[in-house]
C-alpha atoms as a PDB file:
ATOM      1  CA  UNK A   1      30.901 -20.395   3.009  1.00  0.00           C
ATOM      2  CA  UNK A   2      27.280 -20.752   4.044  1.00  0.00           C
ATOM      3  CA  UNK A   3      27.328 -20.895   7.857  1.00  0.00           C
ATOM      4  CA  UNK A   4      23.845 -22.418   7.767  1.00  0.00           C
ATOM      5  CA  UNK A   5      24.896 -25.305   5.551  1.00  0.00           C
ATOM      6  CA  UNK A   6      24.758 -28.001   8.284  1.00  0.00           C
ATOM      7  CA  UNK A   7      21.238 -26.838   9.226  1.00  0.00           C
ATOM      8  CA  UNK A   8      20.153 -26.795   5.589  1.00  0.00           C
ATOM      9  CA  UNK A   9      21.495 -30.312   5.055  1.00  0.00           C
ATOM     10  CA  UNK A  10      19.737 -31.569   8.171  1.00  0.00           C
ATOM     11  CA  UNK A  11      16.437 -29.930   7.142  1.00  0.00           C
ATOM     12  CA  UNK A  12      16.685 -31.526   3.703  1.00  0.00           C
ATOM     13  CA  UNK A  13      17.170 -34.978   5.253  1.00  0.00           C
ATOM     14  CA  UNK A  14      14.281 -34.319   7.637  1.00  0.00           C
ATOM     15  CA  UNK A  15      12.052 -33.325   4.723  1.00  0.00           C
ATOM     16  CA  UNK A  16      12.793 -36.443   2.671  1.00  0.00           C
ATOM     17  CA  UNK A  17      13.500 -38.790   5.625  1.00  0.00           C
ATOM     18  CA  UNK A  18      16.261 -40.113   3.422  1.00  0.00           C
ATOM     19  CA  UNK A  19      19.964 -39.344   3.191  1.00  0.00           C
ATOM     20  CA  UNK A  20      20.035 -40.509  -0.426  1.00  0.00           C
ATOM     21  CA  UNK A  21      17.135 -38.302  -1.544  1.00  0.00           C
ATOM     22  CA  UNK A  22      18.519 -35.337   0.390  1.00  0.00           C
ATOM     23  CA  UNK A  23      21.919 -35.819  -1.227  1.00  0.00           C
ATOM     24  CA  UNK A  24      20.301 -35.905  -4.657  1.00  0.00           C
ATOM     25  CA  UNK A  25      18.356 -32.698  -3.964  1.00  0.00           C
ATOM     26  CA  UNK A  26      21.476 -30.976  -2.650  1.00  0.00           C
ATOM     27  CA  UNK A  27      23.702 -32.390  -5.392  1.00  0.00           C
ATOM     28  CA  UNK A  28      25.989 -33.916  -2.819  1.00  0.00           C
ATOM     29  CA  UNK A  29      27.128 -37.459  -2.077  1.00  0.00           C
ATOM     30  CA  UNK A  30      25.225 -39.440   0.552  1.00  0.00           C
ATOM     31  CA  UNK A  31      28.478 -39.841   2.476  1.00  0.00           C
ATOM     32  CA  UNK A  32      28.939 -36.070   2.662  1.00  0.00           C
ATOM     33  CA  UNK A  33      25.366 -35.579   3.851  1.00  0.00           C
ATOM     34  CA  UNK A  34      25.778 -38.263   6.501  1.00  0.00           C
ATOM     35  CA  UNK A  35      29.041 -36.749   7.701  1.00  0.00           C
ATOM     36  CA  UNK A  36      27.623 -33.212   7.959  1.00  0.00           C
ATOM     37  CA  UNK A  37      24.559 -34.334   9.913  1.00  0.00           C
ATOM     38  CA  UNK A  38      26.705 -36.422  12.259  1.00  0.00           C
ATOM     39  CA  UNK A  39      28.958 -33.435  12.925  1.00  0.00           C
ATOM     40  CA  UNK A  40      25.889 -31.255  13.629  1.00  0.00           C
ATOM     41  CA  UNK A  41      24.569 -33.806  16.103  1.00  0.00           C
ATOM     42  CA  UNK A  42      27.949 -33.895  17.806  1.00  0.00           C
ATOM     43  CA  UNK A  43      28.083 -30.108  18.098  1.00  0.00           C
ATOM     44  CA  UNK A  44      24.536 -29.966  19.478  1.00  0.00           C
ATOM     45  CA  UNK A  45      25.048 -32.911  21.801  1.00  0.00           C
ATOM     46  CA  UNK A  46      21.753 -34.386  20.632  1.00  0.00           C
ATOM     47  CA  UNK A  47      20.738 -37.178  18.287  1.00  0.00           C
ATOM     48  CA  UNK A  48      18.487 -35.628  15.680  1.00  0.00           C
ATOM     49  CA  UNK A  49      17.826 -38.618  13.424  1.00  0.00           C
ATOM     50  CA  UNK A  50      17.316 -42.342  13.959  1.00  0.00           C
ATOM     51  CA  UNK A  51      18.928 -44.372  11.152  1.00  0.00           C
ATOM     52  CA  UNK A  52      18.003 -47.919  10.358  1.00  0.00           C
ATOM     53  CA  UNK A  53      18.646 -49.992   7.254  1.00  0.00           C
ATOM     54  CA  UNK A  54      15.073 -49.331   6.134  1.00  0.00           C
ATOM     55  CA  UNK A  55      14.228 -45.786   7.162  1.00  0.00           C
ATOM     56  CA  UNK A  56      15.235 -42.505   8.731  1.00  0.00           C
ATOM     57  CA  UNK A  57      13.078 -40.819  11.352  1.00  0.00           C
ATOM     58  CA  UNK A  58      13.265 -37.794  13.595  1.00  0.00           C
ATOM     59  CA  UNK A  59      14.002 -37.999  17.293  1.00  0.00           C
ATOM     60  CA  UNK A  60      12.087 -35.687  19.628  1.00  0.00           C
ATOM     61  CA  UNK A  61      15.093 -33.340  19.602  1.00  0.00           C
ATOM     62  CA  UNK A  62      15.154 -33.519  15.811  1.00  0.00           C
ATOM     63  CA  UNK A  63      11.481 -32.609  15.601  1.00  0.00           C
ATOM     64  CA  UNK A  64      12.079 -29.575  17.820  1.00  0.00           C
ATOM     65  CA  UNK A  65      15.061 -28.574  15.671  1.00  0.00           C
ATOM     66  CA  UNK A  66      12.989 -28.761  12.491  1.00  0.00           C
ATOM     67  CA  UNK A  67      10.147 -26.747  14.029  1.00  0.00           C
ATOM     68  CA  UNK A  68      12.521 -24.010  15.195  1.00  0.00           C
ATOM     69  CA  UNK A  69      15.092 -23.934  12.417  1.00  0.00           C
ATOM     70  CA  UNK A  70      12.879 -24.263   9.323  1.00  0.00           C
ATOM     71  CA  UNK A  71      11.053 -20.891   9.650  1.00  0.00           C
ATOM     72  CA  UNK A  72      14.287 -19.138  10.643  1.00  0.00           C
ATOM     73  CA  UNK A  73      16.148 -20.414   7.583  1.00  0.00           C
ATOM     74  CA  UNK A  74      13.197 -19.530   5.331  1.00  0.00           C
ATOM     75  CA  UNK A  75      13.101 -15.991   6.728  1.00  0.00           C
ATOM     76  CA  UNK A  76      16.888 -15.671   6.415  1.00  0.00           C
ATOM     77  CA  UNK A  77      16.638 -16.648   2.742  1.00  0.00           C
ATOM     78  CA  UNK A  78      13.714 -14.280   2.143  1.00  0.00           C
ATOM     79  CA  UNK A  79      15.616 -11.327   3.585  1.00  0.00           C
ATOM     80  CA  UNK A  80      18.623 -12.156   1.451  1.00  0.00           C
ATOM     81  CA  UNK A  81      16.457 -12.354  -1.665  1.00  0.00           C
ATOM     82  CA  UNK A  82      14.740  -9.049  -0.835  1.00  0.00           C
ATOM     83  CA  UNK A  83      18.076  -7.301  -0.400  1.00  0.00           C
ATOM     84  CA  UNK A  84      19.413  -8.733  -3.638  1.00  0.00           C
ATOM     85  CA  UNK A  85      16.280  -7.850  -5.580  1.00  0.00           C
ATOM     86  CA  UNK A  86      16.149  -4.368  -4.065  1.00  0.00           C
ATOM     87  CA  UNK A  87      19.438  -3.657  -5.818  1.00  0.00           C
ATOM     88  CA  UNK A  88      17.888  -4.540  -9.177  1.00  0.00           C
ATOM     89  CA  UNK A  89      15.802  -1.785 -10.806  1.00  0.00           C
ATOM     90  CA  UNK A  90      13.713  -4.229 -12.864  1.00  0.00           C
ATOM     91  CA  UNK A  91      13.324  -7.357 -10.748  1.00  0.00           C
ATOM     92  CA  UNK A  92      11.609  -8.029  -7.430  1.00  0.00           C
ATOM     93  CA  UNK A  93       8.444  -7.310  -5.458  1.00  0.00           C
ATOM     94  CA  UNK A  94       7.151  -3.943  -4.307  1.00  0.00           C
ATOM     95  CA  UNK A  95       4.738  -3.415  -1.429  1.00  0.00           C
ATOM     96  CA  UNK A  96       2.591  -0.336  -2.135  1.00  0.00           C
ATOM     97  CA  UNK A  97      -0.137   1.385  -0.130  1.00  0.00           C
ATOM     98  CA  UNK A  98      -2.662   3.667  -1.881  1.00  0.00           C
ATOM     99  CA  UNK A  99      -6.024   5.361  -1.218  1.00  0.00           C
ATOM    100  CA  UNK A 100      -9.058   3.260  -2.103  1.00  0.00           C
ATOM    101  CA  UNK A 101     -10.813   5.705  -4.443  1.00  0.00           C
ATOM    102  CA  UNK A 102      -7.650   6.495  -6.362  1.00  0.00           C
ATOM    103  CA  UNK A 103      -6.737   2.834  -6.437  1.00  0.00           C
ATOM    104  CA  UNK A 104     -10.028   1.922  -8.079  1.00  0.00           C
ATOM    105  CA  UNK A 105     -10.032   4.746 -10.624  1.00  0.00           C
ATOM    106  CA  UNK A 106      -6.426   5.319 -11.631  1.00  0.00           C
ATOM    107  CA  UNK A 107      -4.157   2.506 -10.486  1.00  0.00           C
ATOM    108  CA  UNK A 108      -5.557  -0.362 -12.614  1.00  0.00           C
ATOM    109  CA  UNK A 109      -4.591   1.379 -15.868  1.00  0.00           C
ATOM    110  CA  UNK A 110      -1.308   2.568 -14.375  1.00  0.00           C
ATOM    111  CA  UNK A 111      -0.403  -0.912 -13.100  1.00  0.00           C
ATOM    112  CA  UNK A 112      -1.271  -2.396 -16.485  1.00  0.00           C
ATOM    113  CA  UNK A 113       1.141   0.010 -18.190  1.00  0.00           C
ATOM    114  CA  UNK A 114       3.798  -0.532 -15.539  1.00  0.00           C
ATOM    115  CA  UNK A 115       3.639  -4.305 -15.845  1.00  0.00           C
ATOM    116  CA  UNK A 116       4.018  -4.060 -19.602  1.00  0.00           C
ATOM    117  CA  UNK A 117       7.158  -1.991 -19.100  1.00  0.00           C
ATOM    118  CA  UNK A 118       8.515  -4.045 -16.175  1.00  0.00           C
ATOM    119  CA  UNK A 119       7.083  -7.583 -16.336  1.00  0.00           C
ATOM    120  CA  UNK A 120       9.576  -8.908 -13.763  1.00  0.00           C
ATOM    121  CA  UNK A 121       8.453  -6.522 -11.023  1.00  0.00           C
ATOM    122  CA  UNK A 122       5.636  -7.955  -8.905  1.00  0.00           C
ATOM    123  CA  UNK A 123       3.314  -5.583  -7.040  1.00  0.00           C
ATOM    124  CA  UNK A 124       1.573  -6.065  -3.712  1.00  0.00           C
ATOM    125  CA  UNK A 125      -0.984  -3.220  -3.653  1.00  0.00           C
ATOM    126  CA  UNK A 126      -2.918  -2.542  -0.444  1.00  0.00           C
ATOM    127  CA  UNK A 127      -5.806  -0.057  -0.738  1.00  0.00           C
ATOM    128  CA  UNK A 128      -7.041   1.883   2.264  1.00  0.00           C
ATOM    129  CA  UNK A 129      -8.203   5.415   2.980  1.00  0.00           C
ATOM    130  CA  UNK A 130      -6.539   5.302   6.394  1.00  0.00           C
ATOM    131  CA  UNK A 131      -3.430   7.448   6.805  1.00  0.00           C
ATOM    132  CA  UNK A 132      -0.969   4.601   7.164  1.00  0.00           C
ATOM    133  CA  UNK A 133       2.460   4.657   8.754  1.00  0.00           C
ATOM    134  CA  UNK A 134       4.799   3.416   6.028  1.00  0.00           C
ATOM    135  CA  UNK A 135       7.217   2.074   8.627  1.00  0.00           C
ATOM    136  CA  UNK A 136       4.693   0.193  10.771  1.00  0.00           C
ATOM    137  CA  UNK A 137       2.859  -1.143   7.706  1.00  0.00           C
ATOM    138  CA  UNK A 138       6.111  -2.531   6.239  1.00  0.00           C
ATOM    139  CA  UNK A 139       5.525  -1.084   2.764  1.00  0.00           C
ATOM    140  CA  UNK A 140       8.146   0.141   0.321  1.00  0.00           C
ATOM    141  CA  UNK A 141       6.218   3.290  -0.533  1.00  0.00           C
ATOM    142  CA  UNK A 142       2.780   4.823  -0.085  1.00  0.00           C
ATOM    143  CA  UNK A 143       0.695   6.978  -2.393  1.00  0.00           C
ATOM    144  CA  UNK A 144      -1.226   9.594  -0.454  1.00  0.00           C
ATOM    145  CA  UNK A 145      -3.789  12.279  -1.229  1.00  0.00           C
ATOM    146  CA  UNK A 146      -3.885  14.640   1.727  1.00  0.00           C
ATOM    147  CA  UNK A 147      -3.000  18.057   2.976  1.00  0.00           C
ATOM    148  CA  UNK A 148       0.649  19.143   3.071  1.00  0.00           C
ATOM    149  CA  UNK A 149       2.564  16.519   5.066  1.00  0.00           C
ATOM    150  CA  UNK A 150       3.785  17.203   8.569  1.00  0.00           C
ATOM    151  CA  UNK A 151       5.430  13.832   9.252  1.00  0.00           C
ATOM    152  CA  UNK A 152       9.116  14.446   9.971  1.00  0.00           C
ATOM    153  CA  UNK A 153      10.138  10.768  10.096  1.00  0.00           C
ATOM    154  CA  UNK A 154       9.410   9.919   6.466  1.00  0.00           C
ATOM    155  CA  UNK A 155      10.520  11.073   3.029  1.00  0.00           C
ATOM    156  CA  UNK A 156       7.894  12.461   0.675  1.00  0.00           C
ATOM    157  CA  UNK A 157       7.719  13.715  -2.896  1.00  0.00           C
ATOM    158  CA  UNK A 158       4.957  16.060  -4.041  1.00  0.00           C
ATOM    159  CA  UNK A 159       3.737  15.128  -7.523  1.00  0.00           C
ATOM    160  CA  UNK A 160       0.865  17.541  -8.090  1.00  0.00           C
ATOM    161  CA  UNK A 161      -2.075  19.297  -6.487  1.00  0.00           C
ATOM    162  CA  UNK A 162      -5.506  17.644  -6.443  1.00  0.00           C
ATOM    163  CA  UNK A 163      -8.379  20.162  -6.763  1.00  0.00           C
ATOM    164  CA  UNK A 164     -11.585  19.723  -4.753  1.00  0.00           C
ATOM    165  CA  UNK A 165     -15.135  21.019  -5.066  1.00  0.00           C
ATOM    166  CA  UNK A 166     -18.278  21.419  -2.975  1.00  0.00           C
ATOM    167  CA  UNK A 167     -20.763  19.034  -4.567  1.00  0.00           C
ATOM    168  CA  UNK A 168     -24.483  18.286  -4.447  1.00  0.00           C
ATOM    169  CA  UNK A 169     -27.157  16.748  -6.637  1.00  0.00           C
ATOM    170  CA  UNK A 170     -29.312  19.150  -8.678  1.00  0.00           C
ATOM    171  CA  UNK A 171     -32.410  17.831  -6.884  1.00  0.00           C
ATOM    172  CA  UNK A 172     -30.940  18.972  -3.562  1.00  0.00           C
ATOM    173  CA  UNK A 173     -29.887  22.400  -4.820  1.00  0.00           C
ATOM    174  CA  UNK A 174     -33.395  22.962  -6.192  1.00  0.00           C
ATOM    175  CA  UNK A 175     -34.791  22.470  -2.679  1.00  0.00           C
ATOM    176  CA  UNK A 176     -32.210  24.951  -1.341  1.00  0.00           C
ATOM    177  CA  UNK A 177     -32.375  27.689  -3.946  1.00  0.00           C
ATOM    178  CA  UNK A 178     -30.058  30.665  -3.883  1.00  0.00           C
ATOM    179  CA  UNK A 179     -26.820  29.061  -2.667  1.00  0.00           C
ATOM    180  CA  UNK A 180     -24.347  31.751  -3.717  1.00  0.00           C
ATOM    181  CA  UNK A 181     -22.343  32.260  -0.536  1.00  0.00           C
ATOM    182  CA  UNK A 182     -20.564  29.710   1.699  1.00  0.00           C
ATOM    183  CA  UNK A 183     -22.794  30.758   4.601  1.00  0.00           C
ATOM    184  CA  UNK A 184     -25.789  29.531   2.581  1.00  0.00           C
ATOM    185  CA  UNK A 185     -24.396  26.009   2.900  1.00  0.00           C
ATOM    186  CA  UNK A 186     -25.161  25.943   6.628  1.00  0.00           C
ATOM    187  CA  UNK A 187     -28.860  25.418   5.897  1.00  0.00           C
ATOM    188  CA  UNK A 188     -28.124  22.294   3.851  1.00  0.00           C
ATOM    189  CA  UNK A 189     -27.371  18.714   4.980  1.00  0.00           C
ATOM    190  CA  UNK A 190     -23.564  18.665   5.005  1.00  0.00           C
ATOM    191  CA  UNK A 191     -21.624  15.387   4.983  1.00  0.00           C
ATOM    192  CA  UNK A 192     -18.065  14.944   6.207  1.00  0.00           C
ATOM    193  CA  UNK A 193     -15.082  12.984   4.953  1.00  0.00           C
ATOM    194  CA  UNK A 194     -13.051  11.918   7.978  1.00  0.00           C
ATOM    195  CA  UNK A 195     -10.901   8.980   9.037  1.00  0.00           C
ATOM    196  CA  UNK A 196     -11.316   9.872  12.713  1.00  0.00           C
ATOM    197  CA  UNK A 197     -15.104  10.315  12.806  1.00  0.00           C
ATOM    198  CA  UNK A 198     -14.815  14.058  13.470  1.00  0.00           C
ATOM    199  CA  UNK A 199     -16.677  16.439  11.143  1.00  0.00           C
ATOM    200  CA  UNK A 200     -14.732  18.442   8.585  1.00  0.00           C
ATOM    201  CA  UNK A 201     -14.033  22.142   8.548  1.00  0.00           C
ATOM    202  CA  UNK A 202     -14.298  23.506   5.002  1.00  0.00           C
ATOM    203  CA  UNK A 203     -12.082  26.540   4.507  1.00  0.00           C
ATOM    204  CA  UNK A 204     -13.217  28.566   1.487  1.00  0.00           C
ATOM    205  CA  UNK A 205     -11.505  31.685   0.205  1.00  0.00           C
ATOM    206  CA  UNK A 206     -12.312  34.371  -2.318  1.00  0.00           C
ATOM    207  CA  UNK A 207      -9.517  36.857  -2.663  1.00  0.00           C
ATOM    208  CA  UNK A 208      -8.696  38.002   0.875  1.00  0.00           C
ATOM    209  CA  UNK A 209     -12.015  36.821   2.272  1.00  0.00           C
ATOM    210  CA  UNK A 210     -12.154  33.483   4.111  1.00  0.00           C
ATOM    211  CA  UNK A 211     -15.063  31.453   5.476  1.00  0.00           C
ATOM    212  CA  UNK A 212     -14.902  28.286   7.549  1.00  0.00           C
ATOM    213  CA  UNK A 213     -17.919  25.999   7.377  1.00  0.00           C
ATOM    214  CA  UNK A 214     -18.349  23.204   9.912  1.00  0.00           C
ATOM    215  CA  UNK A 215     -19.634  20.181   7.998  1.00  0.00           C
ATOM    216  CA  UNK A 216     -22.369  18.010   9.447  1.00  0.00           C
ATOM    217  CA  UNK A 217     -22.086  15.102  11.851  1.00  0.00           C
ATOM    218  CA  UNK A 218     -25.117  13.112  10.709  1.00  0.00           C
ATOM    219  CA  UNK A 219     -23.126  11.376   7.968  1.00  0.00           C
ATOM    220  CA  UNK A 220     -19.363  11.003   8.381  1.00  0.00           C
ATOM    221  CA  UNK A 221     -17.380   8.526   6.293  1.00  0.00           C
ATOM    222  CA  UNK A 222     -13.767   7.660   5.596  1.00  0.00           C
ATOM    223  CA  UNK A 223     -14.519   6.755   1.974  1.00  0.00           C
ATOM    224  CA  UNK A 224     -15.038   9.243  -0.840  1.00  0.00           C
ATOM    225  CA  UNK A 225     -16.976   6.847  -3.065  1.00  0.00           C
ATOM    226  CA  UNK A 226     -19.541   6.272  -0.325  1.00  0.00           C
ATOM    227  CA  UNK A 227     -20.084  10.036   0.022  1.00  0.00           C
ATOM    228  CA  UNK A 228     -20.223  10.339  -3.766  1.00  0.00           C
ATOM    229  CA  UNK A 229     -23.135   7.897  -3.998  1.00  0.00           C
ATOM    230  CA  UNK A 230     -25.004   9.638  -1.171  1.00  0.00           C
ATOM    231  CA  UNK A 231     -24.498  12.994  -2.868  1.00  0.00           C
ATOM    232  CA  UNK A 232     -25.712  11.546  -6.180  1.00  0.00           C
ATOM    233  CA  UNK A 233     -28.875  10.438  -4.416  1.00  0.00           C
ATOM    234  CA  UNK A 234     -29.519  13.944  -3.085  1.00  0.00           C
ATOM    235  CA  UNK A 235     -28.809  13.050   0.546  1.00  0.00           C
ATOM    236  CA  UNK A 236     -26.334  15.804   1.245  1.00  0.00           C
ATOM    237  CA  UNK A 237     -23.468  18.093   0.285  1.00  0.00           C
ATOM    238  CA  UNK A 238     -19.880  16.911   0.378  1.00  0.00           C
ATOM    239  CA  UNK A 239     -16.385  18.056  -0.566  1.00  0.00           C
ATOM    240  CA  UNK A 240     -14.524  15.606  -2.795  1.00  0.00           C
ATOM    241  CA  UNK A 241     -11.498  15.604  -5.096  1.00  0.00           C
ATOM    242  CA  UNK A 242     -12.548  16.363  -8.666  1.00  0.00           C
ATOM    243  CA  UNK A 243     -11.140  13.081  -9.993  1.00  0.00           C
ATOM    244  CA  UNK A 244     -13.646  11.157  -7.876  1.00  0.00           C
ATOM    245  CA  UNK A 245     -16.635  13.246  -8.964  1.00  0.00           C
ATOM    246  CA  UNK A 246     -15.736  13.895 -12.610  1.00  0.00           C
ATOM    247  CA  UNK A 247     -18.039  11.264 -14.159  1.00  0.00           C
ATOM    248  CA  UNK A 248     -20.983  12.363 -12.042  1.00  0.00           C
ATOM    249  CA  UNK A 249     -20.312  16.008 -12.907  1.00  0.00           C
ATOM    250  CA  UNK A 250     -20.071  15.259 -16.627  1.00  0.00           C
ATOM    251  CA  UNK A 251     -23.326  13.288 -16.451  1.00  0.00           C
ATOM    252  CA  UNK A 252     -25.124  16.128 -14.685  1.00  0.00           C
ATOM    253  CA  UNK A 253     -25.710  13.990 -11.583  1.00  0.00           C
ATOM    254  CA  UNK A 254     -23.769  16.456  -9.437  1.00  0.00           C
ATOM    255  CA  UNK A 255     -23.175  20.177  -9.580  1.00  0.00           C
ATOM    256  CA  UNK A 256     -20.553  22.432  -8.014  1.00  0.00           C
ATOM    257  CA  UNK A 257     -21.726  24.827  -5.325  1.00  0.00           C
ATOM    258  CA  UNK A 258     -20.088  28.205  -4.538  1.00  0.00           C
ATOM    259  CA  UNK A 259     -17.768  27.498  -7.478  1.00  0.00           C
ATOM    260  CA  UNK A 260     -16.301  31.022  -7.325  1.00  0.00           C
ATOM    261  CA  UNK A 261     -14.869  30.234  -3.884  1.00  0.00           C
ATOM    262  CA  UNK A 262     -11.674  28.219  -3.585  1.00  0.00           C
ATOM    263  CA  UNK A 263     -10.932  25.219  -1.420  1.00  0.00           C
ATOM    264  CA  UNK A 264      -7.290  24.474  -0.582  1.00  0.00           C
ATOM    265  CA  UNK A 265      -6.202  21.649  -2.906  1.00  0.00           C
ATOM    266  CA  UNK A 266      -4.892  18.368  -1.598  1.00  0.00           C
ATOM    267  CA  UNK A 267      -1.438  17.083  -2.484  1.00  0.00           C
ATOM    268  CA  UNK A 268      -0.694  13.873  -4.319  1.00  0.00           C
ATOM    269  CA  UNK A 269       2.531  12.629  -2.765  1.00  0.00           C
ATOM    270  CA  UNK A 270       4.722   9.578  -2.623  1.00  0.00           C
ATOM    271  CA  UNK A 271       5.784   8.632   0.889  1.00  0.00           C
ATOM    272  CA  UNK A 272       8.785   6.482   1.716  1.00  0.00           C
ATOM    273  CA  UNK A 273      10.362   5.001   4.822  1.00  0.00           C
ATOM    274  CA  UNK A 274      13.474   6.951   5.863  1.00  0.00           C
ATOM    275  CA  UNK A 275      15.765   5.539   3.174  1.00  0.00           C
ATOM    276  CA  UNK A 276      19.222   7.061   2.935  1.00  0.00           C
ATOM    277  CA  UNK A 277      18.799   6.554  -0.806  1.00  0.00           C
ATOM    278  CA  UNK A 278      15.814   5.209  -2.728  1.00  0.00           C
ATOM    279  CA  UNK A 279      16.309   1.510  -3.544  1.00  0.00           C
ATOM    280  CA  UNK A 280      16.524   1.037  -7.329  1.00  0.00           C
ATOM    281  CA  UNK A 281      13.243  -0.884  -7.440  1.00  0.00           C
ATOM    282  CA  UNK A 282      11.412   1.878  -5.546  1.00  0.00           C
ATOM    283  CA  UNK A 283      13.002   4.525  -7.768  1.00  0.00           C
ATOM    284  CA  UNK A 284      11.825   2.668 -10.882  1.00  0.00           C
ATOM    285  CA  UNK A 285       8.207   2.686  -9.740  1.00  0.00           C
ATOM    286  CA  UNK A 286       8.371   6.275  -8.484  1.00  0.00           C
ATOM    287  CA  UNK A 287       9.683   7.634 -11.775  1.00  0.00           C
ATOM    288  CA  UNK A 288       7.110   5.676 -13.785  1.00  0.00           C
ATOM    289  CA  UNK A 289       4.245   6.779 -11.533  1.00  0.00           C
ATOM    290  CA  UNK A 290       5.329  10.424 -11.645  1.00  0.00           C
ATOM    291  CA  UNK A 291       5.451  10.357 -15.462  1.00  0.00           C
ATOM    292  CA  UNK A 292       2.018   8.691 -15.539  1.00  0.00           C
ATOM    293  CA  UNK A 293       0.580  11.409 -13.281  1.00  0.00           C
ATOM    294  CA  UNK A 294       2.064  14.156 -15.466  1.00  0.00           C
ATOM    295  CA  UNK A 295       0.181  12.676 -18.418  1.00  0.00           C
ATOM    296  CA  UNK A 296      -3.020  12.559 -16.342  1.00  0.00           C
ATOM    297  CA  UNK A 297      -2.670  16.208 -15.389  1.00  0.00           C
ATOM    298  CA  UNK A 298      -3.071  17.038 -19.051  1.00  0.00           C
ATOM    299  CA  UNK A 299      -6.401  15.218 -18.825  1.00  0.00           C
ATOM    300  CA  UNK A 300      -7.416  17.042 -15.623  1.00  0.00           C
ATOM    301  CA  UNK A 301      -6.302  14.876 -12.760  1.00  0.00           C
END
């Protein structure tokens, strides 16, 4: 039996200001509605409704009850619906967090395919380059492109590696001829990708040899697309994932510097709150996304 039934009946009467209309909406008899509300008033020791032959109105206590109970009942119902839907692999709403640049380039096509396959799954997609806490942000899963994870409180699944390159516009490299070694980069305007405002350290390796280049502080941004446009305009050198720069590289607007030196790749991972077991809805999206990424890898993710 629904323990909230008396409250629900009262809220329905308060909404319609009519026992008859409330009874019709609840598919009950007016007598039953009247009896339940009267019993609730008796238990609370307060009159909640004023009844006359012409109208029903709220008392001050009734108004307080509506204000306090209505959002609680709505939240109770929402939680129940979320739990029920979470047990269905093809029905419900997913809250997803993803990086902005990836979200703009890859997710629209992926979401389109996913919605065709699962039209009854709604998606709430939040795009940000900040390294979000999946627990604090109340999301079901997060897509991240970052270094190997160190967070012990979450679950993560590595999907693939994301290669990166040192990039600059041809006009800039012409002004700084002879860039063949990472140390040659120090004479160039170096831009940093950072969510904290601190400049990057670029670690480049060639065989057993390793060089660490401190990127510049004049331009620091937490968005790869912003750095991409500055690099296109010849304003500086940056390190970006290849999937962000591919169009500019293909068009000859950017070129790779010190291409025979390797940068450690980033990881594309799915992050989850500490589930004991993935909810079916989350598992459905994860499996679809992983398959989609595998197809992209064949096209140079």
